[in-house]
Amino acid sequence: MAENKMCWYVLRAISGKEAKVKEVLDAAIKNGTLGKYVSQVLIPTEKVYTNRSGKRVLKERTLYSGYVFIEANLQGEAEYELRNTTNVIDFLRGRGKGAKPEVISEQDVKRMLGRADELQEAELAEGDSFLEGESVKVIFGPFNGFSGVIKEVNNEKKKLKVEVKIFGRATDLELESTQVERE
């Protein structure tokens, strides 16, 4: 390994404390001497919808719970400072006594970051893929379980105008694309 080459490493952190570790490391990079040795701190996340009290809530969750990815040059006291950061357990290392922290290849990091991007793009594309005249079923909200036909698609606002039959009458509903699924 070259003297001043930045490489990607994985810090094992207490599960659920990844954001706190990132916050502490970012402050140390900005204000302390760690800035010379660490260039990036990443926590790959994905956006997921959850039901909370009957409402659909968009939430961000970590892809790799308990892991924080850093691009660093482990010279001098850098390894010691990173290992002894609050809520950090240790580096991801090889087996054996005295094993050095494992370097992650640039290709693996790009694939990991690409996976997070793909998940977000897939979710965004899912809302855009509805077509007028398509049959859908309402899966969320007060009209849960009703089936209907899409009359209008607004991709900018991710809204759909769906015609459903309520008591034998055709009624138009304006729904978010996340509230329906294809039949």
Protein backbone atom coordinates (compact mmCIF):
# COMPACT_ATOMS: atom_id res chain seq x y z
CA MET A 1 0.00 0.00 0.00
CA ALA A 2 1.34 3.43 -0.93
CA GLU A 3 2.16 5.87 1.87
CA ASN A 4 -0.55 8.49 1.22
CA LYS A 5 -3.17 6.38 -0.54
CA MET A 6 -6.75 6.62 0.63
CA CYS A 7 -8.50 3.25 0.90
CA TRP A 8 -11.98 2.20 1.96
CA TYR A 9 -12.42 0.49 5.34
CA VAL A 10 -15.37 -0.67 7.40
CA LEU A 11 -15.89 0.35 11.02
CA ARG A 12 -18.10 -1.91 13.09
CA ALA A 13 -20.39 0.23 15.20
CA ILE A 14 -23.08 -0.44 17.76
CA SER A 15 -26.23 -1.21 15.78
CA GLY A 16 -28.49 1.82 15.62
CA LYS A 17 -25.65 4.22 16.43
CA GLU A 18 -24.25 4.52 12.90
CA ALA A 19 -25.54 8.08 12.44
CA LYS A 20 -24.00 9.14 15.76
CA VAL A 21 -20.64 7.66 14.74
CA LYS A 22 -20.82 9.53 11.42
CA GLU A 23 -21.66 12.76 13.24
CA VAL A 24 -18.70 12.37 15.64
CA LEU A 25 -16.30 11.47 12.82
CA ASP A 26 -17.47 14.36 10.63
CA ALA A 27 -16.87 16.77 13.53
CA ALA A 28 -13.41 15.27 14.16
CA ILE A 29 -12.55 15.56 10.46
CA LYS A 30 -13.69 19.17 10.32
CA ASN A 31 -12.20 20.38 13.61
CA GLY A 32 -9.35 18.00 14.41
CA THR A 33 -6.33 16.37 12.90
CA LEU A 34 -8.39 13.46 11.56
CA GLY A 35 -9.16 15.53 8.43
CA LYS A 36 -5.68 14.77 7.08
CA TYR A 37 -6.32 11.03 7.22
CA VAL A 38 -10.06 10.57 6.53
CA SER A 39 -11.79 11.96 3.44
CA GLN A 40 -15.29 10.40 3.55
CA VAL A 41 -17.66 8.76 6.01
CA LEU A 42 -20.65 6.93 4.51
CA ILE A 43 -23.71 5.11 5.79
CA PRO A 44 -25.64 3.62 2.83
CA THR A 45 -29.39 4.06 3.36
CA GLU A 46 -32.61 3.26 1.55
CA LYS A 47 -36.05 4.85 1.75
CA VAL A 48 -38.91 2.59 2.81
CA TYR A 49 -42.59 3.13 3.52
CA THR A 50 -43.92 2.03 6.90
CA ASN A 51 -47.39 2.06 8.40
CA ARG A 52 -47.57 4.04 11.60
CA SER A 53 -50.95 4.55 13.27
CA GLY A 54 -52.74 3.89 9.99
CA LYS A 55 -50.64 6.42 8.07
CA ARG A 56 -48.03 5.62 5.48
CA VAL A 57 -44.71 7.22 6.48
CA LEU A 58 -41.53 7.48 4.41
CA LYS A 59 -38.56 6.42 6.53
CA GLU A 60 -34.84 6.09 5.86
CA ARG A 61 -33.15 2.91 7.04
CA THR A 62 -29.55 1.77 6.89
CA LEU A 63 -28.69 -0.92 4.36
CA TYR A 64 -25.89 -2.42 6.47
CA SER A 65 -26.84 -2.18 10.12
CA GLY A 66 -23.84 -1.82 12.41
CA TYR A 67 -21.35 -0.76 9.72
CA VAL A 68 -19.88 2.64 8.80
CA PHE A 69 -17.77 2.96 5.66
CA ILE A 70 -14.79 5.32 5.66
CA GLU A 71 -12.23 6.35 3.08
CA ALA A 72 -9.03 6.82 5.03
CA ASN A 73 -5.27 6.61 5.13
CA LEU A 74 -4.46 4.64 8.29
CA GLN A 75 -1.15 6.29 9.19
CA GLY A 76 0.06 7.48 12.55
CA GLU A 77 -2.67 7.81 15.15
CA ALA A 78 -5.54 7.67 12.62
CA GLU A 79 -6.30 3.98 13.19
CA TYR A 80 -6.20 4.45 16.97
CA GLU A 81 -8.49 7.51 16.85
CA LEU A 82 -11.00 5.81 14.56
CA ARG A 83 -11.05 2.60 16.60
CA ASN A 84 -11.59 4.54 19.84
CA THR A 85 -14.40 6.75 18.57
CA THR A 86 -17.58 6.68 20.65
CA ASN A 87 -19.93 3.78 19.69
CA VAL A 88 -17.28 2.14 17.45
CA ILE A 89 -16.46 -1.48 18.24
CA ASP A 90 -13.50 -1.97 15.89
CA PHE A 91 -12.51 -2.23 12.25
CA LEU A 92 -13.65 -5.11 10.10
CA ARG A 93 -10.54 -7.26 10.11
CA GLY A 94 -9.23 -10.54 8.78
CA ARG A 95 -8.99 -13.55 11.05
CA GLY A 96 -6.00 -14.09 13.24
CA LYS A 97 -4.26 -12.28 16.02
CA GLY A 98 -2.95 -8.84 15.08
CA ALA A 99 -4.77 -8.79 11.72
CA LYS A 100 -4.81 -5.41 9.98
CA PRO A 101 -8.10 -3.70 9.01
CA GLU A 102 -9.38 -5.10 5.73
CA VAL A 103 -9.33 -2.83 2.69
CA ILE A 104 -12.50 -2.83 0.60
CA SER A 105 -11.97 -2.57 -3.14
CA GLU A 106 -13.20 0.53 -4.97
CA GLN A 107 -15.34 -1.76 -7.11
CA ASP A 108 -17.15 -3.14 -4.03
CA VAL A 109 -17.80 0.37 -2.73
CA LYS A 110 -19.20 1.48 -6.10
CA ARG A 111 -21.40 -1.62 -6.23
CA MET A 112 -22.63 -0.94 -2.68
CA LEU A 113 -23.40 2.71 -3.47
CA GLY A 114 -24.94 1.68 -6.79
CA ARG A 115 -27.26 -0.72 -4.98
CA ALA A 116 -28.55 2.11 -2.77
CA ASP A 117 -29.10 4.26 -5.88
CA GLU A 118 -30.83 1.41 -7.71
CA LEU A 119 -33.25 0.88 -4.82
CA GLN A 120 -34.19 4.56 -4.80
CA GLU A 121 -34.52 4.69 -8.60
CA ALA A 122 -36.67 1.55 -8.60
CA GLU A 123 -38.99 3.09 -6.04
CA LEU A 124 -39.24 6.32 -8.02
CA ALA A 125 -39.81 4.45 -11.28
CA GLU A 126 -42.53 2.35 -9.66
CA GLY A 127 -44.71 5.43 -9.20
CA ASP A 128 -44.15 6.56 -12.79
CA SER A 129 -45.04 3.25 -14.39
CA PHE A 130 -48.85 3.46 -14.10
CA LEU A 131 -50.80 3.99 -17.32
CA GLU A 132 -54.26 5.38 -18.02
CA GLY A 133 -56.87 2.64 -18.38
CA GLU A 134 -54.94 0.25 -16.12
CA SER A 135 -56.85 -1.65 -13.41
CA VAL A 136 -55.62 -1.04 -9.87
CA LYS A 137 -56.59 -1.91 -6.32
CA VAL A 138 -56.43 0.62 -3.47
CA ILE A 139 -54.15 -0.79 -0.75
CA PHE A 140 -54.00 2.12 1.67
CA GLY A 141 -56.36 4.74 3.03
CA PRO A 142 -60.11 4.98 3.59
CA PHE A 143 -60.89 3.24 0.28
CA ASN A 144 -58.65 0.25 1.03
CA GLY A 145 -59.82 -2.83 -0.90
CA PHE A 146 -61.68 -0.94 -3.64
CA SER A 147 -60.77 -1.67 -7.26
CA GLY A 148 -60.86 0.81 -10.08
CA VAL A 149 -59.46 2.09 -13.35
CA ILE A 150 -56.88 4.86 -13.72
CA LYS A 151 -58.35 7.85 -15.54
CA GLU A 152 -55.43 10.28 -15.21
CA VAL A 153 -51.73 10.08 -14.25
CA ASN A 154 -49.77 13.05 -12.84
CA ASN A 155 -46.11 11.96 -12.73
CA GLU A 156 -44.83 15.26 -11.31
CA LYS A 157 -46.95 15.01 -8.17
CA LYS A 158 -47.04 11.18 -8.24
CA LYS A 159 -50.84 11.31 -8.12
CA LEU A 160 -53.45 9.22 -9.90
CA LYS A 161 -57.11 9.86 -10.59
CA VAL A 162 -58.82 6.49 -10.14
CA GLU A 163 -62.47 5.75 -10.91
CA VAL A 164 -63.97 3.30 -8.41
CA LYS A 165 -67.53 2.03 -7.98
CA ILE A 166 -69.04 3.04 -4.63
CA PHE A 167 -72.61 1.81 -4.09
CA GLY A 168 -72.92 1.21 -7.83
CA ARG A 169 -71.83 4.74 -8.80
CA ALA A 170 -68.59 5.68 -10.54
CA THR A 171 -66.58 7.99 -8.27
CA ASP A 172 -63.23 9.63 -9.02
CA LEU A 173 -60.58 9.49 -6.31
CA GLU A 174 -57.27 11.35 -6.29
CA LEU A 175 -54.69 8.99 -4.80
CA GLU A 176 -50.93 8.87 -4.44
CA SER A 177 -49.20 6.26 -6.57
CA THR A 178 -48.05 4.51 -3.37
CA GLN A 179 -51.68 3.93 -2.33
CA VAL A 180 -52.47 1.56 -5.20
CA GLU A 181 -51.14 -1.62 -6.74
CA ARG A 182 -51.82 -3.36 -10.04
CA GLU A 183 -54.47 -6.05 -10.12
